[in-house]
Amino acid sequence: MRSRVSGWAAAALAVAALSCSGDLTEEKARLAAERAREGLQPLDAGAMEQDLDAATVEKVQKQLTTLNEYMGPITGKLDPVTLNALEAFQRSHDITPDGRFNPETLDALDAAANARG
């Protein structure tokens, strides 16, 4: 009878150990996910802080309007509506949608707007 009780006790301890380590694993995973979220920045972080002249922004707004991506006023001012339109253009042209006025984006925008006329 004693070996039977010991067997049950060992099984109970094993189940308890597994459930505790499972909780610990879940807690570690939750903390890791929180740290990862805190470390992530949106792709367009800093896009509003780009140092752009008004003529460049105005040209991009006109091009995006030609392509039906931008529906706002042509102001030459960088704003969230312009960035959203630029990001939509970038996505549709397999460019990282970061809202940056980089050479890859500007070249693709020139080509697309010229093709549209």
PDB file of N, CA and C in Angstrom:
ATOM      1  N   MET A   1       0.818  -1.187   0.000  1.00  0.00           N
ATOM      2  CA  MET A   1       0.000   0.000   0.000  1.00  0.00           C
ATOM      3  C   MET A   1       0.864   1.254   0.000  1.00  0.00           C
ATOM      4  N   ARG A   2       1.992   1.191   0.680  1.00  0.00           N
ATOM      5  CA  ARG A   2       2.862   2.341   0.782  1.00  0.00           C
ATOM      6  C   ARG A   2       3.397   2.754  -0.594  1.00  0.00           C
ATOM      7  N   SER A   3       3.761   1.825  -1.463  1.00  0.00           N
ATOM      8  CA  SER A   3       4.277   2.170  -2.775  1.00  0.00           C
ATOM      9  C   SER A   3       3.189   2.800  -3.638  1.00  0.00           C
ATOM     10  N   ARG A   4       1.949   2.402  -3.430  1.00  0.00           N
ATOM     11  CA  ARG A   4       0.854   2.989  -4.176  1.00  0.00           C
ATOM     12  C   ARG A   4       0.661   4.461  -3.784  1.00  0.00           C
ATOM     13  N   VAL A   5       0.736   4.774  -2.515  1.00  0.00           N
ATOM     14  CA  VAL A   5       0.596   6.142  -2.031  1.00  0.00           C
ATOM     15  C   VAL A   5       1.762   6.979  -2.542  1.00  0.00           C
ATOM     16  N   SER A   6       2.946   6.426  -2.498  1.00  0.00           N
ATOM     17  CA  SER A   6       4.111   7.151  -2.984  1.00  0.00           C
ATOM     18  C   SER A   6       3.977   7.442  -4.473  1.00  0.00           C
ATOM     19  N   GLY A   7       3.441   6.521  -5.227  1.00  0.00           N
ATOM     20  CA  GLY A   7       3.233   6.720  -6.660  1.00  0.00           C
ATOM     21  C   GLY A   7       2.262   7.868  -6.914  1.00  0.00           C
ATOM     22  N   TRP A   8       1.178   7.885  -6.134  1.00  0.00           N
ATOM     23  CA  TRP A   8       0.199   8.976  -6.273  1.00  0.00           C
ATOM     24  C   TRP A   8       0.808  10.308  -5.855  1.00  0.00           C
ATOM     25  N   ALA A   9       1.578  10.290  -4.817  1.00  0.00           N
ATOM     26  CA  ALA A   9       2.217  11.517  -4.343  1.00  0.00           C
ATOM     27  C   ALA A   9       3.200  12.032  -5.397  1.00  0.00           C
ATOM     28  N   ALA A  10       3.963  11.126  -5.997  1.00  0.00           N
ATOM     29  CA  ALA A  10       4.915  11.530  -7.027  1.00  0.00           C
ATOM     30  C   ALA A  10       4.182  12.106  -8.237  1.00  0.00           C
ATOM     31  N   ALA A  11       3.072  11.487  -8.613  1.00  0.00           N
ATOM     32  CA  ALA A  11       2.287  11.992  -9.737  1.00  0.00           C
ATOM     33  C   ALA A  11       1.720  13.368  -9.427  1.00  0.00           C
ATOM     34  N   ALA A  12       1.234  13.557  -8.214  1.00  0.00           N
ATOM     35  CA  ALA A  12       0.684  14.853  -7.813  1.00  0.00           C
ATOM     36  C   ALA A  12       1.768  15.931  -7.843  1.00  0.00           C
ATOM     37  N   LEU A  13       2.960  15.576  -7.348  1.00  0.00           N
ATOM     38  CA  LEU A  13       4.066  16.532  -7.375  1.00  0.00           C
ATOM     39  C   LEU A  13       4.467  16.879  -8.807  1.00  0.00           C
ATOM     40  N   ALA A  14       4.458  15.887  -9.676  1.00  0.00           N
ATOM     41  CA  ALA A  14       4.824  16.133 -11.074  1.00  0.00           C
ATOM     42  C   ALA A  14       3.808  17.057 -11.737  1.00  0.00           C
ATOM     43  N   VAL A  15       2.515  16.827 -11.475  1.00  0.00           N
ATOM     44  CA  VAL A  15       1.473  17.683 -12.039  1.00  0.00           C
ATOM     45  C   VAL A  15       1.612  19.102 -11.502  1.00  0.00           C
ATOM     46  N   ALA A  16       1.861  19.232 -10.208  1.00  0.00           N
ATOM     47  CA  ALA A  16       2.030  20.554  -9.605  1.00  0.00           C
ATOM     48  C   ALA A  16       3.240  21.269 -10.200  1.00  0.00           C
ATOM     49  N   ALA A  17       4.320  20.544 -10.386  1.00  0.00           N
ATOM     50  CA  ALA A  17       5.526  21.141 -10.953  1.00  0.00           C
ATOM     51  C   ALA A  17       5.271  21.605 -12.387  1.00  0.00           C
ATOM     52  N   LEU A  18       4.570  20.794 -13.158  1.00  0.00           N
ATOM     53  CA  LEU A  18       4.273  21.174 -14.534  1.00  0.00           C
ATOM     54  C   LEU A  18       3.382  22.407 -14.601  1.00  0.00           C
ATOM     55  N   SER A  19       2.373  22.447 -13.729  1.00  0.00           N
ATOM     56  CA  SER A  19       1.480  23.601 -13.775  1.00  0.00           C
ATOM     57  C   SER A  19       2.196  24.859 -13.315  1.00  0.00           C
ATOM     58  N   CYS A  20       3.088  24.753 -12.364  1.00  0.00           N
ATOM     59  CA  CYS A  20       3.853  25.920 -11.918  1.00  0.00           C
ATOM     60  C   CYS A  20       4.798  26.388 -13.010  1.00  0.00           C
ATOM     61  N   SER A  21       5.485  25.460 -13.640  1.00  0.00           N
ATOM     62  CA  SER A  21       6.412  25.864 -14.687  1.00  0.00           C
ATOM     63  C   SER A  21       5.648  26.418 -15.884  1.00  0.00           C
ATOM     64  N   GLY A  22       4.444  25.926 -16.126  1.00  0.00           N
ATOM     65  CA  GLY A  22       3.616  26.470 -17.194  1.00  0.00           C
ATOM     66  C   GLY A  22       3.251  27.912 -16.903  1.00  0.00           C
ATOM     67  N   ASP A  23       2.876  28.205 -15.660  1.00  0.00           N
ATOM     68  CA  ASP A  23       2.549  29.577 -15.276  1.00  0.00           C
ATOM     69  C   ASP A  23       3.778  30.468 -15.429  1.00  0.00           C
ATOM     70  N   LEU A  24       4.914  29.929 -15.020  1.00  0.00           N
ATOM     71  CA  LEU A  24       6.153  30.691 -15.114  1.00  0.00           C
ATOM     72  C   LEU A  24       6.494  30.975 -16.574  1.00  0.00           C
ATOM     73  N   THR A  25       6.300  29.991 -17.426  1.00  0.00           N
ATOM     74  CA  THR A  25       6.566  30.162 -18.846  1.00  0.00           C
ATOM     75  C   THR A  25       5.625  31.207 -19.440  1.00  0.00           C
ATOM     76  N   GLU A  26       4.356  31.150 -19.070  1.00  0.00           N
ATOM     77  CA  GLU A  26       3.395  32.136 -19.556  1.00  0.00           C
ATOM     78  C   GLU A  26       3.765  33.538 -19.084  1.00  0.00           C
ATOM     79  N   GLU A  27       4.189  33.647 -17.839  1.00  0.00           N
ATOM     80  CA  GLU A  27       4.586  34.944 -17.292  1.00  0.00           C
ATOM     81  C   GLU A  27       5.820  35.482 -18.029  1.00  0.00           C
ATOM     82  N   LYS A  28       6.782  34.617 -18.284  1.00  0.00           N
ATOM     83  CA  LYS A  28       7.976  35.038 -19.028  1.00  0.00           C
ATOM     84  C   LYS A  28       7.599  35.498 -20.433  1.00  0.00           C
ATOM     85  N   ALA A  29       6.710  34.774 -21.067  1.00  0.00           N
ATOM     86  CA  ALA A  29       6.277  35.132 -22.417  1.00  0.00           C
ATOM     87  C   ALA A  29       5.541  36.475 -22.403  1.00  0.00           C
ATOM     88  N   ARG A  30       4.699  36.688 -21.413  1.00  0.00           N
ATOM     89  CA  ARG A  30       3.961  37.941 -21.306  1.00  0.00           C
ATOM     90  C   ARG A  30       4.916  39.111 -21.115  1.00  0.00           C
ATOM     91  N   LEU A  31       5.909  38.948 -20.236  1.00  0.00           N
ATOM     92  CA  LEU A  31       6.888  40.007 -19.996  1.00  0.00           C
ATOM     93  C   LEU A  31       7.729  40.285 -21.244  1.00  0.00           C
ATOM     94  N   ALA A  32       8.104  39.239 -21.948  1.00  0.00           N
ATOM     95  CA  ALA A  32       8.884  39.411 -23.174  1.00  0.00           C
ATOM     96  C   ALA A  32       8.073  40.166 -24.223  1.00  0.00           C
ATOM     97  N   ALA A  33       6.792  39.838 -24.330  1.00  0.00           N
ATOM     98  CA  ALA A  33       5.923  40.525 -25.286  1.00  0.00           C
ATOM     99  C   ALA A  33       5.782  42.001 -24.920  1.00  0.00           C
ATOM    100  N   GLU A  34       5.645  42.295 -23.643  1.00  0.00           N
ATOM    101  CA  GLU A  34       5.551  43.687 -23.194  1.00  0.00           C
ATOM    102  C   GLU A  34       6.824  44.462 -23.536  1.00  0.00           C
ATOM    103  N   ARG A  35       7.985  43.849 -23.276  1.00  0.00           N
ATOM    104  CA  ARG A  35       9.259  44.512 -23.586  1.00  0.00           C
ATOM    105  C   ARG A  35       9.392  44.753 -25.094  1.00  0.00           C
ATOM    106  N   ALA A  36       8.948  43.792 -25.879  1.00  0.00           N
ATOM    107  CA  ALA A  36       9.033  43.937 -27.335  1.00  0.00           C
ATOM    108  C   ALA A  36       8.134  45.076 -27.809  1.00  0.00           C
ATOM    109  N   ARG A  37       6.908  45.146 -27.264  1.00  0.00           N
ATOM    110  CA  ARG A  37       5.995  46.223 -27.649  1.00  0.00           C
ATOM    111  C   ARG A  37       6.559  47.587 -27.278  1.00  0.00           C
ATOM    112  N   GLU A  38       7.177  47.686 -26.106  1.00  0.00           N
ATOM    113  CA  GLU A  38       7.753  48.952 -25.673  1.00  0.00           C
ATOM    114  C   GLU A  38       8.904  49.378 -26.574  1.00  0.00           C
ATOM    115  N   GLY A  39       9.639  48.411 -27.115  1.00  0.00           N
ATOM    116  CA  GLY A  39      10.786  48.712 -27.950  1.00  0.00           C
ATOM    117  C   GLY A  39      10.426  49.029 -29.394  1.00  0.00           C
ATOM    118  N   LEU A  40       9.210  48.663 -29.797  1.00  0.00           N
ATOM    119  CA  LEU A  40       8.801  48.893 -31.183  1.00  0.00           C
ATOM    120  C   LEU A  40       8.363  50.332 -31.387  1.00  0.00           C
ATOM    121  N   GLN A  41       8.726  50.878 -32.520  1.00  0.00           N
ATOM    122  CA  GLN A  41       8.228  52.180 -32.923  1.00  0.00           C
ATOM    123  C   GLN A  41       7.493  51.986 -34.242  1.00  0.00           C
ATOM    124  N   PRO A  42       6.466  52.778 -34.465  1.00  0.00           N
ATOM    125  CA  PRO A  42       5.773  52.657 -35.743  1.00  0.00           C
ATOM    126  C   PRO A  42       6.732  52.953 -36.890  1.00  0.00           C
ATOM    127  N   LEU A  43       6.446  52.367 -38.048  1.00  0.00           N
ATOM    128  CA  LEU A  43       7.303  52.590 -39.215  1.00  0.00           C
ATOM    129  C   LEU A  43       7.444  54.072 -39.532  1.00  0.00           C
ATOM    130  N   ASP A  44       6.370  54.828 -39.323  1.00  0.00           N
ATOM    131  CA  ASP A  44       6.422  56.235 -39.695  1.00  0.00           C
ATOM    132  C   ASP A  44       6.883  57.143 -38.559  1.00  0.00           C
ATOM    133  N   ALA A  45       7.472  56.569 -37.512  1.00  0.00           N
ATOM    134  CA  ALA A  45       7.994  57.390 -36.423  1.00  0.00           C
ATOM    135  C   ALA A  45       9.027  58.352 -36.993  1.00  0.00           C
ATOM    136  N   GLY A  46       8.842  59.616 -36.747  1.00  0.00           N
ATOM    137  CA  GLY A  46       9.761  60.617 -37.250  1.00  0.00           C
ATOM    138  C   GLY A  46       9.409  61.146 -38.633  1.00  0.00           C
ATOM    139  N   ALA A  47       8.421  60.572 -39.291  1.00  0.00           N
ATOM    140  CA  ALA A  47       8.071  61.012 -40.638  1.00  0.00           C
ATOM    141  C   ALA A  47       7.604  62.468 -40.645  1.00  0.00           C
ATOM    142  N   MET A  48       6.898  62.890 -39.604  1.00  0.00           N
ATOM    143  CA  MET A  48       6.427  64.276 -39.536  1.00  0.00           C
ATOM    144  C   MET A  48       7.570  65.250 -39.292  1.00  0.00           C
ATOM    145  N   GLU A  49       8.702  64.760 -38.809  1.00  0.00           N
ATOM    146  CA  GLU A  49       9.835  65.630 -38.499  1.00  0.00           C
ATOM    147  C   GLU A  49      10.818  65.779 -39.659  1.00  0.00           C
ATOM    148  N   GLN A  50      10.474  65.251 -40.833  1.00  0.00           N
ATOM    149  CA  GLN A  50      11.366  65.356 -41.978  1.00  0.00           C
ATOM    150  C   GLN A  50      11.589  66.828 -42.335  1.00  0.00           C
ATOM    151  N   ASP A  51      12.805  67.144 -42.684  1.00  0.00           N
ATOM    152  CA  ASP A  51      13.149  68.504 -43.071  1.00  0.00           C
ATOM    153  C   ASP A  51      12.954  68.636 -44.580  1.00  0.00           C
ATOM    154  N   LEU A  52      11.762  69.064 -44.975  1.00  0.00           N
ATOM    155  CA  LEU A  52      11.413  69.150 -46.394  1.00  0.00           C
ATOM    156  C   LEU A  52      11.012  70.574 -46.743  1.00  0.00           C
ATOM    157  N   ASP A  53      11.395  70.984 -47.936  1.00  0.00           N
ATOM    158  CA  ASP A  53      10.960  72.310 -48.357  1.00  0.00           C
ATOM    159  C   ASP A  53       9.533  72.222 -48.899  1.00  0.00           C
ATOM    160  N   ALA A  54       8.843  73.339 -48.870  1.00  0.00           N
ATOM    161  CA  ALA A  54       7.436  73.382 -49.266  1.00  0.00           C
ATOM    162  C   ALA A  54       7.237  72.960 -50.723  1.00  0.00           C
ATOM    163  N   ALA A  55       8.192  73.299 -51.590  1.00  0.00           N
ATOM    164  CA  ALA A  55       8.065  72.948 -53.006  1.00  0.00           C
ATOM    165  C   ALA A  55       8.043  71.425 -53.201  1.00  0.00           C
ATOM    166  N   THR A  56       8.860  70.722 -52.430  1.00  0.00           N
ATOM    167  CA  THR A  56       8.892  69.256 -52.534  1.00  0.00           C
ATOM    168  C   THR A  56       7.579  68.665 -52.059  1.00  0.00           C
ATOM    169  N   VAL A  57       7.087  69.141 -50.926  1.00  0.00           N
ATOM    170  CA  VAL A  57       5.826  68.621 -50.383  1.00  0.00           C
ATOM    171  C   VAL A  57       4.680  68.938 -51.346  1.00  0.00           C
ATOM    172  N   GLU A  58       4.678  70.127 -51.903  1.00  0.00           N
ATOM    173  CA  GLU A  58       3.623  70.514 -52.855  1.00  0.00           C
ATOM    174  C   GLU A  58       3.657  69.617 -54.092  1.00  0.00           C
ATOM    175  N   LYS A  59       4.853  69.355 -54.600  1.00  0.00           N
ATOM    176  CA  LYS A  59       4.981  68.470 -55.774  1.00  0.00           C
ATOM    177  C   LYS A  59       4.434  67.081 -55.460  1.00  0.00           C
ATOM    178  N   VAL A  60       4.793  66.544 -54.288  1.00  0.00           N
ATOM    179  CA  VAL A  60       4.316  65.214 -53.893  1.00  0.00           C
ATOM    180  C   VAL A  60       2.799  65.229 -53.724  1.00  0.00           C
ATOM    181  N   GLN A  61       2.262  66.269 -53.124  1.00  0.00           N
ATOM    182  CA  GLN A  61       0.802  66.356 -52.969  1.00  0.00           C
ATOM    183  C   GLN A  61       0.113  66.365 -54.335  1.00  0.00           C
ATOM    184  N   LYS A  62       0.667  67.113 -55.299  1.00  0.00           N
ATOM    185  CA  LYS A  62       0.086  67.147 -56.644  1.00  0.00           C
ATOM    186  C   LYS A  62       0.167  65.784 -57.317  1.00  0.00           C
ATOM    187  N   GLN A  63       1.324  65.119 -57.170  1.00  0.00           N
ATOM    188  CA  GLN A  63       1.487  63.795 -57.780  1.00  0.00           C
ATOM    189  C   GLN A  63       0.522  62.789 -57.154  1.00  0.00           C
ATOM    190  N   LEU A  64       0.408  62.821 -55.838  1.00  0.00           N
ATOM    191  CA  LEU A  64      -0.507  61.901 -55.160  1.00  0.00           C
ATOM    192  C   LEU A  64      -1.961  62.193 -55.528  1.00  0.00           C
ATOM    193  N   THR A  65      -2.283  63.464 -55.783  1.00  0.00           N
ATOM    194  CA  THR A  65      -3.627  63.826 -56.237  1.00  0.00           C
ATOM    195  C   THR A  65      -3.887  63.244 -57.619  1.00  0.00           C
ATOM    196  N   THR A  66      -2.884  63.350 -58.507  1.00  0.00           N
ATOM    197  CA  THR A  66      -2.998  62.780 -59.851  1.00  0.00           C
ATOM    198  C   THR A  66      -3.273  61.281 -59.788  1.00  0.00           C
ATOM    199  N   LEU A  67      -2.684  60.630 -58.788  1.00  0.00           N
ATOM    200  CA  LEU A  67      -2.824  59.173 -58.637  1.00  0.00           C
ATOM    201  C   LEU A  67      -4.020  58.785 -57.769  1.00  0.00           C
ATOM    202  N   ASN A  68      -4.829  59.764 -57.391  1.00  0.00           N
ATOM    203  CA  ASN A  68      -6.012  59.538 -56.540  1.00  0.00           C
ATOM    204  C   ASN A  68      -5.665  58.960 -55.170  1.00  0.00           C
ATOM    205  N   GLU A  69      -4.495  59.277 -54.679  1.00  0.00           N
ATOM    206  CA  GLU A  69      -4.084  58.836 -53.338  1.00  0.00           C
ATOM    207  C   GLU A  69      -4.304  59.945 -52.311  1.00  0.00           C
ATOM    208  N   TYR A  70      -4.252  61.180 -52.764  1.00  0.00           N
ATOM    209  CA  TYR A  70      -4.361  62.333 -51.861  1.00  0.00           C
ATOM    210  C   TYR A  70      -5.578  63.154 -52.256  1.00  0.00           C
ATOM    211  N   MET A  71      -6.417  63.462 -51.262  1.00  0.00           N
ATOM    212  CA  MET A  71      -7.641  64.211 -51.537  1.00  0.00           C
ATOM    213  C   MET A  71      -7.662  65.557 -50.812  1.00  0.00           C
ATOM    214  N   GLY A  72      -6.556  65.889 -50.171  1.00  0.00           N
ATOM    215  CA  GLY A  72      -6.499  67.126 -49.398  1.00  0.00           C
ATOM    216  C   GLY A  72      -6.090  68.319 -50.253  1.00  0.00           C
ATOM    217  N   PRO A  73      -6.016  69.479 -49.610  1.00  0.00           N
ATOM    218  CA  PRO A  73      -5.595  70.687 -50.334  1.00  0.00           C
ATOM    219  C   PRO A  73      -4.094  70.663 -50.611  1.00  0.00           C
ATOM    220  N   ILE A  74      -3.698  71.276 -51.697  1.00  0.00           N
ATOM    221  CA  ILE A  74      -2.284  71.392 -52.053  1.00  0.00           C
ATOM    222  C   ILE A  74      -1.743  72.606 -51.285  1.00  0.00           C
ATOM    223  N   THR A  75      -1.035  72.338 -50.212  1.00  0.00           N
ATOM    224  CA  THR A  75      -0.579  73.413 -49.326  1.00  0.00           C
ATOM    225  C   THR A  75       0.933  73.528 -49.251  1.00  0.00           C
ATOM    226  N   GLY A  76       1.635  72.471 -49.610  1.00  0.00           N
ATOM    227  CA  GLY A  76       3.092  72.462 -49.438  1.00  0.00           C
ATOM    228  C   GLY A  76       3.503  72.217 -48.002  1.00  0.00           C
ATOM    229  N   LYS A  77       2.534  71.916 -47.142  1.00  0.00           N
ATOM    230  CA  LYS A  77       2.820  71.645 -45.731  1.00  0.00           C
ATOM    231  C   LYS A  77       2.684  70.146 -45.470  1.00  0.00           C
ATOM    232  N   LEU A  78       3.655  69.602 -44.788  1.00  0.00           N
ATOM    233  CA  LEU A  78       3.617  68.187 -44.433  1.00  0.00           C
ATOM    234  C   LEU A  78       2.611  67.993 -43.311  1.00  0.00           C
ATOM    235  N   ASP A  79       1.639  67.142 -43.547  1.00  0.00           N
ATOM    236  CA  ASP A  79       0.599  66.882 -42.552  1.00  0.00           C
ATOM    237  C   ASP A  79       0.253  65.392 -42.561  1.00  0.00           C
ATOM    238  N   PRO A  80      -0.520  64.947 -41.575  1.00  0.00           N
ATOM    239  CA  PRO A  80      -0.861  63.518 -41.505  1.00  0.00           C
ATOM    240  C   PRO A  80      -1.598  63.001 -42.746  1.00  0.00           C
ATOM    241  N   VAL A  81      -2.413  63.835 -43.376  1.00  0.00           N
ATOM    242  CA  VAL A  81      -3.144  63.386 -44.568  1.00  0.00           C
ATOM    243  C   VAL A  81      -2.163  63.098 -45.708  1.00  0.00           C
ATOM    244  N   THR A  82      -1.180  63.970 -45.861  1.00  0.00           N
ATOM    245  CA  THR A  82      -0.153  63.760 -46.892  1.00  0.00           C
ATOM    246  C   THR A  82       0.646  62.491 -46.598  1.00  0.00           C
ATOM    247  N   LEU A  83       1.030  62.324 -45.334  1.00  0.00           N
ATOM    248  CA  LEU A  83       1.794  61.118 -44.971  1.00  0.00           C
ATOM    249  C   LEU A  83       0.985  59.854 -45.195  1.00  0.00           C
ATOM    250  N   ASN A  84      -0.293  59.871 -44.843  1.00  0.00           N
ATOM    251  CA  ASN A  84      -1.137  58.684 -45.058  1.00  0.00           C
ATOM    252  C   ASN A  84      -1.233  58.358 -46.545  1.00  0.00           C
ATOM    253  N   ALA A  85      -1.381  59.390 -47.372  1.00  0.00           N
ATOM    254  CA  ALA A  85      -1.451  59.171 -48.819  1.00  0.00           C
ATOM    255  C   ALA A  85      -0.130  58.620 -49.348  1.00  0.00           C
ATOM    256  N   LEU A  86       0.982  59.177 -48.857  1.00  0.00           N
ATOM    257  CA  LEU A  86       2.290  58.689 -49.286  1.00  0.00           C
ATOM    258  C   LEU A  86       2.496  57.235 -48.861  1.00  0.00           C
ATOM    259  N   GLU A  87       2.096  56.903 -47.646  1.00  0.00           N
ATOM    260  CA  GLU A  87       2.222  55.517 -47.174  1.00  0.00           C
ATOM    261  C   GLU A  87       1.350  54.579 -48.005  1.00  0.00           C
ATOM    262  N   ALA A  88       0.160  55.011 -48.378  1.00  0.00           N
ATOM    263  CA  ALA A  88      -0.702  54.185 -49.235  1.00  0.00           C
ATOM    264  C   ALA A  88      -0.021  53.954 -50.584  1.00  0.00           C
ATOM    265  N   PHE A  89       0.585  55.008 -51.138  1.00  0.00           N
ATOM    266  CA  PHE A  89       1.324  54.870 -52.394  1.00  0.00           C
ATOM    267  C   PHE A  89       2.478  53.884 -52.217  1.00  0.00           C
ATOM    268  N   GLN A  90       3.230  54.039 -51.131  1.00  0.00           N
ATOM    269  CA  GLN A  90       4.366  53.145 -50.883  1.00  0.00           C
ATOM    270  C   GLN A  90       3.904  51.692 -50.800  1.00  0.00           C
ATOM    271  N   ARG A  91       2.822  51.444 -50.081  1.00  0.00           N
ATOM    272  CA  ARG A  91       2.312  50.066 -49.970  1.00  0.00           C
ATOM    273  C   ARG A  91       1.935  49.508 -51.337  1.00  0.00           C
ATOM    274  N   SER A  92       1.278  50.312 -52.150  1.00  0.00           N
ATOM    275  CA  SER A  92       0.824  49.815 -53.451  1.00  0.00           C
ATOM    276  C   SER A  92       1.973  49.627 -54.444  1.00  0.00           C
ATOM    277  N   HIS A  93       3.159  50.127 -54.089  1.00  0.00           N
ATOM    278  CA  HIS A  93       4.331  49.980 -54.963  1.00  0.00           C
ATOM    279  C   HIS A  93       5.447  49.167 -54.295  1.00  0.00           C
ATOM    280  N   ASP A  94       5.071  48.364 -53.306  1.00  0.00           N
ATOM    281  CA  ASP A  94       6.012  47.474 -52.607  1.00  0.00           C
ATOM    282  C   ASP A  94       7.224  48.207 -52.045  1.00  0.00           C
ATOM    283  N   ILE A  95       6.970  49.393 -51.506  1.00  0.00           N
ATOM    284  CA  ILE A  95       7.994  50.178 -50.823  1.00  0.00           C
ATOM    285  C   ILE A  95       7.613  50.195 -49.352  1.00  0.00           C
ATOM    286  N   THR A  96       8.579  50.087 -48.477  1.00  0.00           N
ATOM    287  CA  THR A  96       8.287  50.119 -47.041  1.00  0.00           C
ATOM    288  C   THR A  96       7.453  51.361 -46.724  1.00  0.00           C
ATOM    289  N   PRO A  97       6.246  51.171 -46.181  1.00  0.00           N
ATOM    290  CA  PRO A  97       5.345  52.304 -45.936  1.00  0.00           C
ATOM    291  C   PRO A  97       5.729  53.092 -44.687  1.00  0.00           C
ATOM    292  N   ASP A  98       6.753  53.922 -44.835  1.00  0.00           N
ATOM    293  CA  ASP A  98       7.254  54.651 -43.678  1.00  0.00           C
ATOM    294  C   ASP A  98       7.004  56.159 -43.750  1.00  0.00           C
ATOM    295  N   GLY A  99       6.379  56.615 -44.832  1.00  0.00           N
ATOM    296  CA  GLY A  99       6.077  58.032 -44.970  1.00  0.00           C
ATOM    297  C   GLY A  99       7.292  58.906 -45.249  1.00  0.00           C
ATOM    298  N   ARG A 100       8.395  58.288 -45.594  1.00  0.00           N
ATOM    299  CA  ARG A 100       9.627  59.042 -45.852  1.00  0.00           C
ATOM    300  C   ARG A 100       9.697  59.481 -47.315  1.00  0.00           C
ATOM    301  N   PHE A 101      10.150  60.693 -47.516  1.00  0.00           N
ATOM    302  CA  PHE A 101      10.374  61.232 -48.851  1.00  0.00           C
ATOM    303  C   PHE A 101      11.785  60.837 -49.278  1.00  0.00           C
ATOM    304  N   ASN A 102      12.016  59.552 -49.480  1.00  0.00           N
ATOM    305  CA  ASN A 102      13.347  59.060 -49.837  1.00  0.00           C
ATOM    306  C   ASN A 102      13.442  58.905 -51.364  1.00  0.00           C
ATOM    307  N   PRO A 103      14.655  58.747 -51.881  1.00  0.00           N
ATOM    308  CA  PRO A 103      14.814  58.650 -53.341  1.00  0.00           C
ATOM    309  C   PRO A 103      13.982  57.536 -53.978  1.00  0.00           C
ATOM    310  N   GLU A 104      13.907  56.380 -53.343  1.00  0.00           N
ATOM    311  CA  GLU A 104      13.127  55.270 -53.913  1.00  0.00           C
ATOM    312  C   GLU A 104      11.665  55.673 -54.085  1.00  0.00           C
ATOM    313  N   THR A 105      11.102  56.281 -53.051  1.00  0.00           N
ATOM    314  CA  THR A 105       9.698  56.689 -53.095  1.00  0.00           C
ATOM    315  C   THR A 105       9.487  57.809 -54.106  1.00  0.00           C
ATOM    316  N   LEU A 106      10.354  58.817 -54.074  1.00  0.00           N
ATOM    317  CA  LEU A 106      10.185  59.952 -54.986  1.00  0.00           C
ATOM    318  C   LEU A 106      10.348  59.539 -56.444  1.00  0.00           C
ATOM    319  N   ASP A 107      11.281  58.624 -56.718  1.00  0.00           N
ATOM    320  CA  ASP A 107      11.452  58.129 -58.093  1.00  0.00           C
ATOM    321  C   ASP A 107      10.220  57.357 -58.559  1.00  0.00           C
ATOM    322  N   ALA A 108       9.717  56.492 -57.701  1.00  0.00           N
ATOM    323  CA  ALA A 108       8.518  55.706 -58.048  1.00  0.00           C
ATOM    324  C   ALA A 108       7.316  56.627 -58.231  1.00  0.00           C
ATOM    325  N   LEU A 109       7.224  57.637 -57.396  1.00  0.00           N
ATOM    326  CA  LEU A 109       6.114  58.598 -57.490  1.00  0.00           C
ATOM    327  C   LEU A 109       6.206  59.382 -58.791  1.00  0.00           C
ATOM    328  N   ASP A 110       7.409  59.838 -59.149  1.00  0.00           N
ATOM    329  CA  ASP A 110       7.603  60.535 -60.431  1.00  0.00           C
ATOM    330  C   ASP A 110       7.172  59.656 -61.593  1.00  0.00           C
ATOM    331  N   ALA A 111       7.625  58.425 -61.599  1.00  0.00           N
ATOM    332  CA  ALA A 111       7.303  57.509 -62.698  1.00  0.00           C
ATOM    333  C   ALA A 111       5.796  57.247 -62.781  1.00  0.00           C
ATOM    334  N   ALA A 112       5.167  57.001 -61.648  1.00  0.00           N
ATOM    335  CA  ALA A 112       3.726  56.714 -61.645  1.00  0.00           C
ATOM    336  C   ALA A 112       2.902  57.929 -62.080  1.00  0.00           C
ATOM    337  N   ALA A 113       3.271  59.104 -61.575  1.00  0.00           N
ATOM    338  CA  ALA A 113       2.525  60.320 -61.929  1.00  0.00           C
ATOM    339  C   ALA A 113       2.729  60.677 -63.402  1.00  0.00           C
ATOM    340  N   ASN A 114       3.954  60.501 -63.910  1.00  0.00           N
ATOM    341  CA  ASN A 114       4.220  60.778 -65.328  1.00  0.00           C
ATOM    342  C   ASN A 114       3.466  59.804 -66.231  1.00  0.00           C
ATOM    343  N   ALA A 115       3.374  58.554 -65.820  1.00  0.00           N
ATOM    344  CA  ALA A 115       2.649  57.549 -66.596  1.00  0.00           C
ATOM    345  C   ALA A 115       1.155  57.867 -66.636  1.00  0.00           C
ATOM    346  N   ARG A 116       0.652  58.416 -65.538  1.00  0.00           N
ATOM    347  CA  ARG A 116      -0.778  58.746 -65.451  1.00  0.00           C
ATOM    348  C   ARG A 116      -1.064  60.033 -66.221  1.00  0.00           C
ATOM    349  N   GLY A 117      -0.067  60.937 -66.268  1.00  0.00           N
ATOM    350  CA  GLY A 117      -0.200  62.173 -67.031  1.00  0.00           C
ATOM    351  C   GLY A 117      -0.756  63.252 -66.237  1.00  0.00           C
TER     352      GLY A 117
END
